[in-house]
ModelCIF file with pLDDT and N, C-alpha, C, O atoms, coordinates in Angstrom:
data_MODEL
#
_entry.id   MODEL 
#
_entity.id                         1 
_entity.type                       polymer 
_entity.pdbx_number_of_molecules   1 
#
_entity_poly.entity_id                      1 
_entity_poly.type                           'polypeptide(L)' 
_entity_poly.nstd_linkage                   no 
_entity_poly.nstd_monomer                   no 
_entity_poly.pdbx_seq_one_letter_code       NFLQAQQKPNIIFILADDLGYGDISAYGSKIVQTPNIDALANSGAKM 
_entity_poly.pdbx_seq_one_letter_code_can   NFLQAQQKPNIIFILADDLGYGDISAYGSKIVQTPNIDALANSGAKM 
_entity_poly.pdbx_strand_id                 A 
#
loop_
_entity_poly_seq.entity_id 
_entity_poly_seq.num 
_entity_poly_seq.mon_id 
_entity_poly_seq.hetero 
1 1  ASN n 
1 2  PHE n 
1 3  LEU n 
1 4  GLN n 
1 5  ALA n 
1 6  GLN n 
1 7  GLN n 
1 8  LYS n 
1 9  PRO n 
1 10 ASN n 
1 11 ILE n 
1 12 ILE n 
1 13 PHE n 
1 14 ILE n 
1 15 LEU n 
1 16 ALA n 
1 17 ASP n 
1 18 ASP n 
1 19 LEU n 
1 20 GLY n 
1 21 TYR n 
1 22 GLY n 
1 23 ASP n 
1 24 ILE n 
1 25 SER n 
1 26 ALA n 
1 27 TYR n 
1 28 GLY n 
1 29 SER n 
1 30 LYS n 
1 31 ILE n 
1 32 VAL n 
1 33 GLN n 
1 34 THR n 
1 35 PRO n 
1 36 ASN n 
1 37 ILE n 
1 38 ASP n 
1 39 ALA n 
1 40 LEU n 
1 41 ALA n 
1 42 ASN n 
1 43 SER n 
1 44 GLY n 
1 45 ALA n 
1 46 LYS n 
1 47 MET n 
#
_struct_asym.id          A 
_struct_asym.entity_id   1 
#
loop_
_ma_qa_metric.id 
_ma_qa_metric.mode 
_ma_qa_metric.name 
_ma_qa_metric.software_group_id 
_ma_qa_metric.type 
1 global pLDDT . pLDDT 
2 local  pLDDT . pLDDT 
#
_ma_qa_metric_global.metric_id      1 
_ma_qa_metric_global.metric_value   90.85 
_ma_qa_metric_global.model_id       1 
_ma_qa_metric_global.ordinal_id     1 
#
loop_
_ma_qa_metric_local.label_asym_id 
_ma_qa_metric_local.label_comp_id 
_ma_qa_metric_local.label_seq_id 
_ma_qa_metric_local.metric_id 
_ma_qa_metric_local.metric_value 
_ma_qa_metric_local.model_id 
_ma_qa_metric_local.ordinal_id 
A ASN 1  2 45.00 1 1  
A PHE 2  2 43.00 1 2  
A LEU 3  2 47.00 1 3  
A GLN 4  2 45.00 1 4  
A ALA 5  2 44.00 1 5  
A GLN 6  2 55.00 1 6  
A GLN 7  2 83.00 1 7  
A LYS 8  2 94.00 1 8  
A PRO 9  2 97.00 1 9  
A ASN 10 2 98.00 1 10 
A ILE 11 2 98.00 1 11 
A ILE 12 2 98.00 1 12 
A PHE 13 2 99.00 1 13 
A ILE 14 2 99.00 1 14 
A LEU 15 2 98.00 1 15 
A ALA 16 2 98.00 1 16 
A ASP 17 2 98.00 1 17 
A ASP 18 2 98.00 1 18 
A LEU 19 2 98.00 1 19 
A GLY 20 2 97.00 1 20 
A TYR 21 2 98.00 1 21 
A GLY 22 2 97.00 1 22 
A ASP 23 2 98.00 1 23 
A ILE 24 2 98.00 1 24 
A SER 25 2 98.00 1 25 
A ALA 26 2 97.00 1 26 
A TYR 27 2 98.00 1 27 
A GLY 28 2 96.00 1 28 
A SER 29 2 97.00 1 29 
A LYS 30 2 96.00 1 30 
A ILE 31 2 97.00 1 31 
A VAL 32 2 98.00 1 32 
A GLN 33 2 98.00 1 33 
A THR 34 2 98.00 1 34 
A PRO 35 2 98.00 1 35 
A ASN 36 2 98.00 1 36 
A ILE 37 2 98.00 1 37 
A ASP 38 2 98.00 1 38 
A ALA 39 2 98.00 1 39 
A LEU 40 2 98.00 1 40 
A ALA 41 2 98.00 1 41 
A ASN 42 2 98.00 1 42 
A SER 43 2 98.00 1 43 
A GLY 44 2 98.00 1 44 
A ALA 45 2 98.00 1 45 
A LYS 46 2 98.00 1 46 
A MET 47 2 98.00 1 47 
#
loop_
_atom_site.group_PDB 
_atom_site.id 
_atom_site.type_symbol 
_atom_site.label_atom_id 
_atom_site.label_alt_id 
_atom_site.label_comp_id 
_atom_site.label_asym_id 
_atom_site.label_entity_id 
_atom_site.label_seq_id 
_atom_site.pdbx_PDB_ins_code 
_atom_site.Cartn_x 
_atom_site.Cartn_y 
_atom_site.Cartn_z 
_atom_site.occupancy 
_atom_site.B_iso_or_equiv 
_atom_site.pdbx_formal_charge 
_atom_site.auth_seq_id 
_atom_site.auth_comp_id 
_atom_site.auth_asym_id 
_atom_site.auth_atom_id 
_atom_site.pdbx_PDB_model_num 
ATOM 1   N N  . ASN A 1 1  ? -25.586 52.994 18.073 1.00 45.00 ? 1  ASN A N  1 
ATOM 2   C CA . ASN A 1 1  ? -27.027 52.950 17.600 1.00 45.00 ? 1  ASN A CA 1 
ATOM 3   C C  . ASN A 1 1  ? -27.042 52.755 15.914 1.00 45.00 ? 1  ASN A C  1 
ATOM 4   O O  . ASN A 1 1  ? -27.718 51.866 15.396 1.00 45.00 ? 1  ASN A O  1 
ATOM 5   N N  . PHE A 1 2  ? -26.296 53.604 15.203 1.00 43.00 ? 2  PHE A N  1 
ATOM 6   C CA . PHE A 1 2  ? -25.929 53.123 14.126 1.00 43.00 ? 2  PHE A CA 1 
ATOM 7   C C  . PHE A 1 2  ? -25.755 51.777 13.365 1.00 43.00 ? 2  PHE A C  1 
ATOM 8   O O  . PHE A 1 2  ? -26.404 51.311 12.428 1.00 43.00 ? 2  PHE A O  1 
ATOM 9   N N  . LEU A 1 3  ? -24.540 51.226 14.139 1.00 47.00 ? 3  LEU A N  1 
ATOM 10  C CA . LEU A 1 3  ? -23.733 50.231 13.866 1.00 47.00 ? 3  LEU A CA 1 
ATOM 11  C C  . LEU A 1 3  ? -24.874 49.052 14.280 1.00 47.00 ? 3  LEU A C  1 
ATOM 12  O O  . LEU A 1 3  ? -25.041 48.157 13.452 1.00 47.00 ? 3  LEU A O  1 
ATOM 13  N N  . GLN A 1 4  ? -25.617 49.018 15.455 1.00 45.00 ? 4  GLN A N  1 
ATOM 14  C CA . GLN A 1 4  ? -26.625 48.058 15.695 1.00 45.00 ? 4  GLN A CA 1 
ATOM 15  C C  . GLN A 1 4  ? -27.649 47.934 14.485 1.00 45.00 ? 4  GLN A C  1 
ATOM 16  O O  . GLN A 1 4  ? -27.962 46.876 13.940 1.00 45.00 ? 4  GLN A O  1 
ATOM 17  N N  . ALA A 1 5  ? -28.193 49.418 14.106 1.00 44.00 ? 5  ALA A N  1 
ATOM 18  C CA . ALA A 1 5  ? -29.081 49.058 13.085 1.00 44.00 ? 5  ALA A CA 1 
ATOM 19  C C  . ALA A 1 5  ? -28.687 48.401 11.719 1.00 44.00 ? 5  ALA A C  1 
ATOM 20  O O  . ALA A 1 5  ? -29.545 48.069 10.902 1.00 44.00 ? 5  ALA A O  1 
ATOM 21  N N  . GLN A 1 6  ? -27.288 48.222 11.504 1.00 55.00 ? 6  GLN A N  1 
ATOM 22  C CA . GLN A 1 6  ? -26.861 47.380 10.494 1.00 55.00 ? 6  GLN A CA 1 
ATOM 23  C C  . GLN A 1 6  ? -26.688 46.053 10.564 1.00 55.00 ? 6  GLN A C  1 
ATOM 24  O O  . GLN A 1 6  ? -26.172 45.390 9.664  1.00 55.00 ? 6  GLN A O  1 
ATOM 25  N N  . GLN A 1 7  ? -27.139 45.572 11.708 1.00 83.00 ? 7  GLN A N  1 
ATOM 26  C CA . GLN A 1 7  ? -26.473 44.174 11.956 1.00 83.00 ? 7  GLN A CA 1 
ATOM 27  C C  . GLN A 1 7  ? -27.823 43.452 12.231 1.00 83.00 ? 7  GLN A C  1 
ATOM 28  O O  . GLN A 1 7  ? -28.852 44.126 12.279 1.00 83.00 ? 7  GLN A O  1 
ATOM 29  N N  . LYS A 1 8  ? -27.861 41.951 12.436 1.00 94.00 ? 8  LYS A N  1 
ATOM 30  C CA . LYS A 1 8  ? -28.892 41.301 12.599 1.00 94.00 ? 8  LYS A CA 1 
ATOM 31  C C  . LYS A 1 8  ? -29.249 41.816 14.384 1.00 94.00 ? 8  LYS A C  1 
ATOM 32  O O  . LYS A 1 8  ? -28.545 42.607 15.012 1.00 94.00 ? 8  LYS A O  1 
ATOM 33  N N  . PRO A 1 9  ? -30.239 41.274 14.809 1.00 97.00 ? 9  PRO A N  1 
ATOM 34  C CA . PRO A 1 9  ? -30.638 41.577 16.161 1.00 97.00 ? 9  PRO A CA 1 
ATOM 35  C C  . PRO A 1 9  ? -29.522 40.591 17.194 1.00 97.00 ? 9  PRO A C  1 
ATOM 36  O O  . PRO A 1 9  ? -29.210 39.496 16.728 1.00 97.00 ? 9  PRO A O  1 
ATOM 37  N N  . ASN A 1 10 ? -29.033 40.924 18.353 1.00 98.00 ? 10 ASN A N  1 
ATOM 38  C CA . ASN A 1 10 ? -28.716 40.190 19.338 1.00 98.00 ? 10 ASN A CA 1 
ATOM 39  C C  . ASN A 1 10 ? -29.877 39.307 20.033 1.00 98.00 ? 10 ASN A C  1 
ATOM 40  O O  . ASN A 1 10 ? -31.069 39.544 19.843 1.00 98.00 ? 10 ASN A O  1 
ATOM 41  N N  . ILE A 1 11 ? -29.491 38.457 20.704 1.00 98.00 ? 11 ILE A N  1 
ATOM 42  C CA . ILE A 1 11 ? -30.332 37.423 21.385 1.00 98.00 ? 11 ILE A CA 1 
ATOM 43  C C  . ILE A 1 11 ? -29.688 37.321 22.981 1.00 98.00 ? 11 ILE A C  1 
ATOM 44  O O  . ILE A 1 11 ? -28.487 37.124 23.170 1.00 98.00 ? 11 ILE A O  1 
ATOM 45  N N  . ILE A 1 12 ? -30.584 37.471 23.983 1.00 98.00 ? 12 ILE A N  1 
ATOM 46  C CA . ILE A 1 12 ? -30.176 37.109 24.969 1.00 98.00 ? 12 ILE A CA 1 
ATOM 47  C C  . ILE A 1 12 ? -31.163 36.154 25.970 1.00 98.00 ? 12 ILE A C  1 
ATOM 48  O O  . ILE A 1 12 ? -32.028 36.673 26.677 1.00 98.00 ? 12 ILE A O  1 
ATOM 49  N N  . PHE A 1 13 ? -30.980 35.055 25.945 1.00 99.00 ? 13 PHE A N  1 
ATOM 50  C CA . PHE A 1 13 ? -31.800 34.035 26.474 1.00 99.00 ? 13 PHE A CA 1 
ATOM 51  C C  . PHE A 1 13 ? -31.658 33.462 28.090 1.00 99.00 ? 13 PHE A C  1 
ATOM 52  O O  . PHE A 1 13 ? -30.903 32.528 28.358 1.00 99.00 ? 13 PHE A O  1 
ATOM 53  N N  . ILE A 1 14 ? -32.464 34.132 29.090 1.00 99.00 ? 14 ILE A N  1 
ATOM 54  C CA . ILE A 1 14 ? -32.217 34.053 30.425 1.00 99.00 ? 14 ILE A CA 1 
ATOM 55  C C  . ILE A 1 14 ? -32.953 32.824 31.112 1.00 99.00 ? 14 ILE A C  1 
ATOM 56  O O  . ILE A 1 14 ? -34.146 32.685 30.844 1.00 99.00 ? 14 ILE A O  1 
ATOM 57  N N  . LEU A 1 15 ? -32.557 32.234 31.675 1.00 98.00 ? 15 LEU A N  1 
ATOM 58  C CA . LEU A 1 15 ? -33.404 30.940 31.889 1.00 98.00 ? 15 LEU A CA 1 
ATOM 59  C C  . LEU A 1 15 ? -32.857 30.788 33.608 1.00 98.00 ? 15 LEU A C  1 
ATOM 60  O O  . LEU A 1 15 ? -31.745 30.686 34.125 1.00 98.00 ? 15 LEU A O  1 
ATOM 61  N N  . ALA A 1 16 ? -34.550 30.843 34.249 1.00 98.00 ? 16 ALA A N  1 
ATOM 62  C CA . ALA A 1 16 ? -34.327 30.509 35.844 1.00 98.00 ? 16 ALA A CA 1 
ATOM 63  C C  . ALA A 1 16 ? -34.354 28.840 35.988 1.00 98.00 ? 16 ALA A C  1 
ATOM 64  O O  . ALA A 1 16 ? -34.896 28.055 35.210 1.00 98.00 ? 16 ALA A O  1 
ATOM 65  N N  . ASP A 1 17 ? -33.793 28.603 36.913 1.00 98.00 ? 17 ASP A N  1 
ATOM 66  C CA . ASP A 1 17 ? -34.022 27.087 37.456 1.00 98.00 ? 17 ASP A CA 1 
ATOM 67  C C  . ASP A 1 17 ? -35.045 26.637 38.604 1.00 98.00 ? 17 ASP A C  1 
ATOM 68  O O  . ASP A 1 17 ? -34.887 26.856 39.805 1.00 98.00 ? 17 ASP A O  1 
ATOM 69  N N  . ASP A 1 18 ? -36.069 26.001 38.044 1.00 98.00 ? 18 ASP A N  1 
ATOM 70  C CA . ASP A 1 18 ? -37.002 25.636 39.303 1.00 98.00 ? 18 ASP A CA 1 
ATOM 71  C C  . ASP A 1 18 ? -37.824 26.712 39.661 1.00 98.00 ? 18 ASP A C  1 
ATOM 72  O O  . ASP A 1 18 ? -38.454 26.483 40.694 1.00 98.00 ? 18 ASP A O  1 
ATOM 73  N N  . LEU A 1 19 ? -38.055 27.938 39.097 1.00 98.00 ? 19 LEU A N  1 
ATOM 74  C CA . LEU A 1 19 ? -38.666 29.023 39.458 1.00 98.00 ? 19 LEU A CA 1 
ATOM 75  C C  . LEU A 1 19 ? -40.035 28.753 39.241 1.00 98.00 ? 19 LEU A C  1 
ATOM 76  O O  . LEU A 1 19 ? -40.321 28.236 38.161 1.00 98.00 ? 19 LEU A O  1 
ATOM 77  N N  . GLY A 1 20 ? -41.050 29.025 40.140 1.00 97.00 ? 20 GLY A N  1 
ATOM 78  C CA . GLY A 1 20 ? -42.538 28.542 40.006 1.00 97.00 ? 20 GLY A CA 1 
ATOM 79  C C  . GLY A 1 20 ? -43.077 29.838 39.362 1.00 97.00 ? 20 GLY A C  1 
ATOM 80  O O  . GLY A 1 20 ? -42.450 30.894 39.291 1.00 97.00 ? 20 GLY A O  1 
ATOM 81  N N  . TYR A 1 21 ? -44.582 29.568 38.807 1.00 98.00 ? 21 TYR A N  1 
ATOM 82  C CA . TYR A 1 21 ? -45.168 30.267 38.111 1.00 98.00 ? 21 TYR A CA 1 
ATOM 83  C C  . TYR A 1 21 ? -45.213 31.671 39.167 1.00 98.00 ? 21 TYR A C  1 
ATOM 84  O O  . TYR A 1 21 ? -44.816 32.760 38.752 1.00 98.00 ? 21 TYR A O  1 
ATOM 85  N N  . GLY A 1 22 ? -45.617 31.536 40.231 1.00 97.00 ? 22 GLY A N  1 
ATOM 86  C CA . GLY A 1 22 ? -46.009 32.577 41.186 1.00 97.00 ? 22 GLY A CA 1 
ATOM 87  C C  . GLY A 1 22 ? -44.738 33.011 42.240 1.00 97.00 ? 22 GLY A C  1 
ATOM 88  O O  . GLY A 1 22 ? -44.743 33.626 43.307 1.00 97.00 ? 22 GLY A O  1 
ATOM 89  N N  . ASP A 1 23 ? -44.065 32.632 41.739 1.00 98.00 ? 23 ASP A N  1 
ATOM 90  C CA . ASP A 1 23 ? -42.340 33.166 42.731 1.00 98.00 ? 23 ASP A CA 1 
ATOM 91  C C  . ASP A 1 23 ? -42.026 34.399 42.478 1.00 98.00 ? 23 ASP A C  1 
ATOM 92  O O  . ASP A 1 23 ? -41.248 34.859 43.314 1.00 98.00 ? 23 ASP A O  1 
ATOM 93  N N  . ILE A 1 24 ? -42.295 35.035 41.740 1.00 98.00 ? 24 ILE A N  1 
ATOM 94  C CA . ILE A 1 24 ? -41.826 36.528 41.194 1.00 98.00 ? 24 ILE A CA 1 
ATOM 95  C C  . ILE A 1 24 ? -43.023 37.443 41.343 1.00 98.00 ? 24 ILE A C  1 
ATOM 96  O O  . ILE A 1 24 ? -44.104 36.880 41.169 1.00 98.00 ? 24 ILE A O  1 
ATOM 97  N N  . SER A 1 25 ? -43.056 38.600 41.598 1.00 98.00 ? 25 SER A N  1 
ATOM 98  C CA . SER A 1 25 ? -43.877 39.771 41.569 1.00 98.00 ? 25 SER A CA 1 
ATOM 99  C C  . SER A 1 25 ? -44.617 39.920 40.198 1.00 98.00 ? 25 SER A C  1 
ATOM 100 O O  . SER A 1 25 ? -45.795 40.276 40.147 1.00 98.00 ? 25 SER A O  1 
ATOM 101 N N  . ALA A 1 26 ? -43.847 39.621 39.054 1.00 97.00 ? 26 ALA A N  1 
ATOM 102 C CA . ALA A 1 26 ? -44.422 39.957 37.735 1.00 97.00 ? 26 ALA A CA 1 
ATOM 103 C C  . ALA A 1 26 ? -45.585 38.871 37.695 1.00 97.00 ? 26 ALA A C  1 
ATOM 104 O O  . ALA A 1 26 ? -46.567 39.048 36.974 1.00 97.00 ? 26 ALA A O  1 
ATOM 105 N N  . TYR A 1 27 ? -45.474 37.993 38.316 1.00 98.00 ? 27 TYR A N  1 
ATOM 106 C CA . TYR A 1 27 ? -46.616 36.794 38.130 1.00 98.00 ? 27 TYR A CA 1 
ATOM 107 C C  . TYR A 1 27 ? -47.395 36.722 39.417 1.00 98.00 ? 27 TYR A C  1 
ATOM 108 O O  . TYR A 1 27 ? -47.997 35.693 39.724 1.00 98.00 ? 27 TYR A O  1 
ATOM 109 N N  . GLY A 1 28 ? -47.395 37.768 40.153 1.00 96.00 ? 28 GLY A N  1 
ATOM 110 C CA . GLY A 1 28 ? -48.367 37.842 41.413 1.00 96.00 ? 28 GLY A CA 1 
ATOM 111 C C  . GLY A 1 28 ? -47.952 37.647 42.839 1.00 96.00 ? 28 GLY A C  1 
ATOM 112 O O  . GLY A 1 28 ? -48.738 37.676 43.787 1.00 96.00 ? 28 GLY A O  1 
ATOM 113 N N  . SER A 1 29 ? -46.488 37.421 42.935 1.00 97.00 ? 29 SER A N  1 
ATOM 114 C CA . SER A 1 29 ? -45.716 37.221 44.269 1.00 97.00 ? 29 SER A CA 1 
ATOM 115 C C  . SER A 1 29 ? -45.968 38.257 45.125 1.00 97.00 ? 29 SER A C  1 
ATOM 116 O O  . SER A 1 29 ? -45.410 39.298 44.776 1.00 97.00 ? 29 SER A O  1 
ATOM 117 N N  . LYS A 1 30 ? -46.611 38.330 46.116 1.00 96.00 ? 30 LYS A N  1 
ATOM 118 C CA . LYS A 1 30 ? -46.867 39.572 47.196 1.00 96.00 ? 30 LYS A CA 1 
ATOM 119 C C  . LYS A 1 30 ? -45.484 39.452 48.111 1.00 96.00 ? 30 LYS A C  1 
ATOM 120 O O  . LYS A 1 30 ? -45.167 40.487 48.698 1.00 96.00 ? 30 LYS A O  1 
ATOM 121 N N  . ILE A 1 31 ? -44.902 38.658 48.234 1.00 97.00 ? 31 ILE A N  1 
ATOM 122 C CA . ILE A 1 31 ? -43.849 38.293 49.147 1.00 97.00 ? 31 ILE A CA 1 
ATOM 123 C C  . ILE A 1 31 ? -42.819 38.763 48.471 1.00 97.00 ? 31 ILE A C  1 
ATOM 124 O O  . ILE A 1 31 ? -42.381 39.796 48.977 1.00 97.00 ? 31 ILE A O  1 
ATOM 125 N N  . VAL A 1 32 ? -42.067 38.290 47.201 1.00 98.00 ? 32 VAL A N  1 
ATOM 126 C CA . VAL A 1 32 ? -41.005 38.444 46.643 1.00 98.00 ? 32 VAL A CA 1 
ATOM 127 C C  . VAL A 1 32 ? -41.158 39.244 45.807 1.00 98.00 ? 32 VAL A C  1 
ATOM 128 O O  . VAL A 1 32 ? -41.961 38.920 44.932 1.00 98.00 ? 32 VAL A O  1 
ATOM 129 N N  . GLN A 1 33 ? -40.497 40.607 45.679 1.00 98.00 ? 33 GLN A N  1 
ATOM 130 C CA . GLN A 1 33 ? -40.524 41.479 44.725 1.00 98.00 ? 33 GLN A CA 1 
ATOM 131 C C  . GLN A 1 33 ? -39.168 41.501 43.810 1.00 98.00 ? 33 GLN A C  1 
ATOM 132 O O  . GLN A 1 33 ? -38.014 41.505 44.240 1.00 98.00 ? 33 GLN A O  1 
ATOM 133 N N  . THR A 1 34 ? -39.570 41.514 42.502 1.00 98.00 ? 34 THR A N  1 
ATOM 134 C CA . THR A 1 34 ? -38.286 41.205 41.579 1.00 98.00 ? 34 THR A CA 1 
ATOM 135 C C  . THR A 1 34 ? -38.588 42.500 40.439 1.00 98.00 ? 34 THR A C  1 
ATOM 136 O O  . THR A 1 34 ? -39.121 42.323 39.343 1.00 98.00 ? 34 THR A O  1 
ATOM 137 N N  . PRO A 1 35 ? -38.169 43.677 40.913 1.00 98.00 ? 35 PRO A N  1 
ATOM 138 C CA . PRO A 1 35 ? -38.302 44.740 39.986 1.00 98.00 ? 35 PRO A CA 1 
ATOM 139 C C  . PRO A 1 35 ? -37.939 44.653 38.694 1.00 98.00 ? 35 PRO A C  1 
ATOM 140 O O  . PRO A 1 35 ? -38.694 44.977 37.777 1.00 98.00 ? 35 PRO A O  1 
ATOM 141 N N  . ASN A 1 36 ? -36.781 44.218 38.532 1.00 98.00 ? 36 ASN A N  1 
ATOM 142 C CA . ASN A 1 36 ? -35.714 43.946 37.250 1.00 98.00 ? 36 ASN A CA 1 
ATOM 143 C C  . ASN A 1 36 ? -36.278 42.753 36.209 1.00 98.00 ? 36 ASN A C  1 
ATOM 144 O O  . ASN A 1 36 ? -35.924 42.749 35.030 1.00 98.00 ? 36 ASN A O  1 
ATOM 145 N N  . ILE A 1 37 ? -37.118 41.821 36.714 1.00 98.00 ? 37 ILE A N  1 
ATOM 146 C CA . ILE A 1 37 ? -37.942 40.946 35.957 1.00 98.00 ? 37 ILE A CA 1 
ATOM 147 C C  . ILE A 1 37 ? -39.276 41.722 35.754 1.00 98.00 ? 37 ILE A C  1 
ATOM 148 O O  . ILE A 1 37 ? -39.836 41.629 34.662 1.00 98.00 ? 37 ILE A O  1 
ATOM 149 N N  . ASP A 1 38 ? -39.749 42.390 36.623 1.00 98.00 ? 38 ASP A N  1 
ATOM 150 C CA . ASP A 1 38 ? -41.057 43.316 36.151 1.00 98.00 ? 38 ASP A CA 1 
ATOM 151 C C  . ASP A 1 38 ? -41.061 44.179 35.226 1.00 98.00 ? 38 ASP A C  1 
ATOM 152 O O  . ASP A 1 38 ? -42.005 44.331 34.451 1.00 98.00 ? 38 ASP A O  1 
ATOM 153 N N  . ALA A 1 39 ? -39.779 44.977 35.206 1.00 98.00 ? 39 ALA A N  1 
ATOM 154 C CA . ALA A 1 39 ? -39.299 45.825 34.272 1.00 98.00 ? 39 ALA A CA 1 
ATOM 155 C C  . ALA A 1 39 ? -39.031 45.268 32.788 1.00 98.00 ? 39 ALA A C  1 
ATOM 156 O O  . ALA A 1 39 ? -39.268 45.909 31.764 1.00 98.00 ? 39 ALA A O  1 
ATOM 157 N N  . LEU A 1 40 ? -38.567 44.138 32.832 1.00 98.00 ? 40 LEU A N  1 
ATOM 158 C CA . LEU A 1 40 ? -38.640 43.616 31.507 1.00 98.00 ? 40 LEU A CA 1 
ATOM 159 C C  . LEU A 1 40 ? -39.881 43.069 30.916 1.00 98.00 ? 40 LEU A C  1 
ATOM 160 O O  . LEU A 1 40 ? -40.049 43.183 29.702 1.00 98.00 ? 40 LEU A O  1 
ATOM 161 N N  . ALA A 1 41 ? -40.879 42.411 31.750 1.00 98.00 ? 41 ALA A N  1 
ATOM 162 C CA . ALA A 1 41 ? -42.074 42.075 31.591 1.00 98.00 ? 41 ALA A CA 1 
ATOM 163 C C  . ALA A 1 41 ? -42.944 43.480 30.876 1.00 98.00 ? 41 ALA A C  1 
ATOM 164 O O  . ALA A 1 41 ? -43.636 43.512 29.859 1.00 98.00 ? 41 ALA A O  1 
ATOM 165 N N  . ASN A 1 42 ? -42.613 44.521 31.799 1.00 98.00 ? 42 ASN A N  1 
ATOM 166 C CA . ASN A 1 42 ? -43.458 45.848 31.201 1.00 98.00 ? 42 ASN A CA 1 
ATOM 167 C C  . ASN A 1 42 ? -42.925 46.292 29.670 1.00 98.00 ? 42 ASN A C  1 
ATOM 168 O O  . ASN A 1 42 ? -43.629 46.847 28.825 1.00 98.00 ? 42 ASN A O  1 
ATOM 169 N N  . SER A 1 43 ? -41.565 45.928 29.519 1.00 98.00 ? 43 SER A N  1 
ATOM 170 C CA . SER A 1 43 ? -41.149 46.590 28.326 1.00 98.00 ? 43 SER A CA 1 
ATOM 171 C C  . SER A 1 43 ? -41.772 45.799 26.934 1.00 98.00 ? 43 SER A C  1 
ATOM 172 O O  . SER A 1 43 ? -41.864 46.204 25.775 1.00 98.00 ? 43 SER A O  1 
ATOM 173 N N  . GLY A 1 44 ? -42.144 44.545 27.536 1.00 98.00 ? 44 GLY A N  1 
ATOM 174 C CA . GLY A 1 44 ? -42.539 43.757 26.440 1.00 98.00 ? 44 GLY A CA 1 
ATOM 175 C C  . GLY A 1 44 ? -43.598 42.682 26.644 1.00 98.00 ? 44 GLY A C  1 
ATOM 176 O O  . GLY A 1 44 ? -44.545 43.277 27.158 1.00 98.00 ? 44 GLY A O  1 
ATOM 177 N N  . ALA A 1 45 ? -43.882 41.530 26.515 1.00 98.00 ? 45 ALA A N  1 
ATOM 178 C CA . ALA A 1 45 ? -44.955 40.584 26.501 1.00 98.00 ? 45 ALA A CA 1 
ATOM 179 C C  . ALA A 1 45 ? -44.970 39.676 27.355 1.00 98.00 ? 45 ALA A C  1 
ATOM 180 O O  . ALA A 1 45 ? -44.063 38.845 27.309 1.00 98.00 ? 45 ALA A O  1 
ATOM 181 N N  . LYS A 1 46 ? -45.938 39.577 28.320 1.00 98.00 ? 46 LYS A N  1 
ATOM 182 C CA . LYS A 1 46 ? -45.653 38.289 29.674 1.00 98.00 ? 46 LYS A CA 1 
ATOM 183 C C  . LYS A 1 46 ? -46.677 37.526 29.154 1.00 98.00 ? 46 LYS A C  1 
ATOM 184 O O  . LYS A 1 46 ? -47.766 38.024 28.874 1.00 98.00 ? 46 LYS A O  1 
ATOM 185 N N  . MET A 1 47 ? -46.345 36.022 28.959 1.00 98.00 ? 47 MET A N  1 
ATOM 186 C CA . MET A 1 47 ? -47.403 35.165 28.828 1.00 98.00 ? 47 MET A CA 1 
ATOM 187 C C  . MET A 1 47 ? -48.136 34.660 29.718 1.00 98.00 ? 47 MET A C  1 
ATOM 188 O O  . MET A 1 47 ? -49.052 33.899 29.405 1.00 98.00 ? 47 MET A O  1 
#
């Protein structure tokens, strides 16, 4: 943690392919549950 604090931030850019706006539970899907993407949204901002 100390070493990380001394350096510039890491960047992870995750891109899905053809994923529809409502295809995941974070954006309202009642059929497909995506707990990991939901957790990512809960840890930050959902546009």
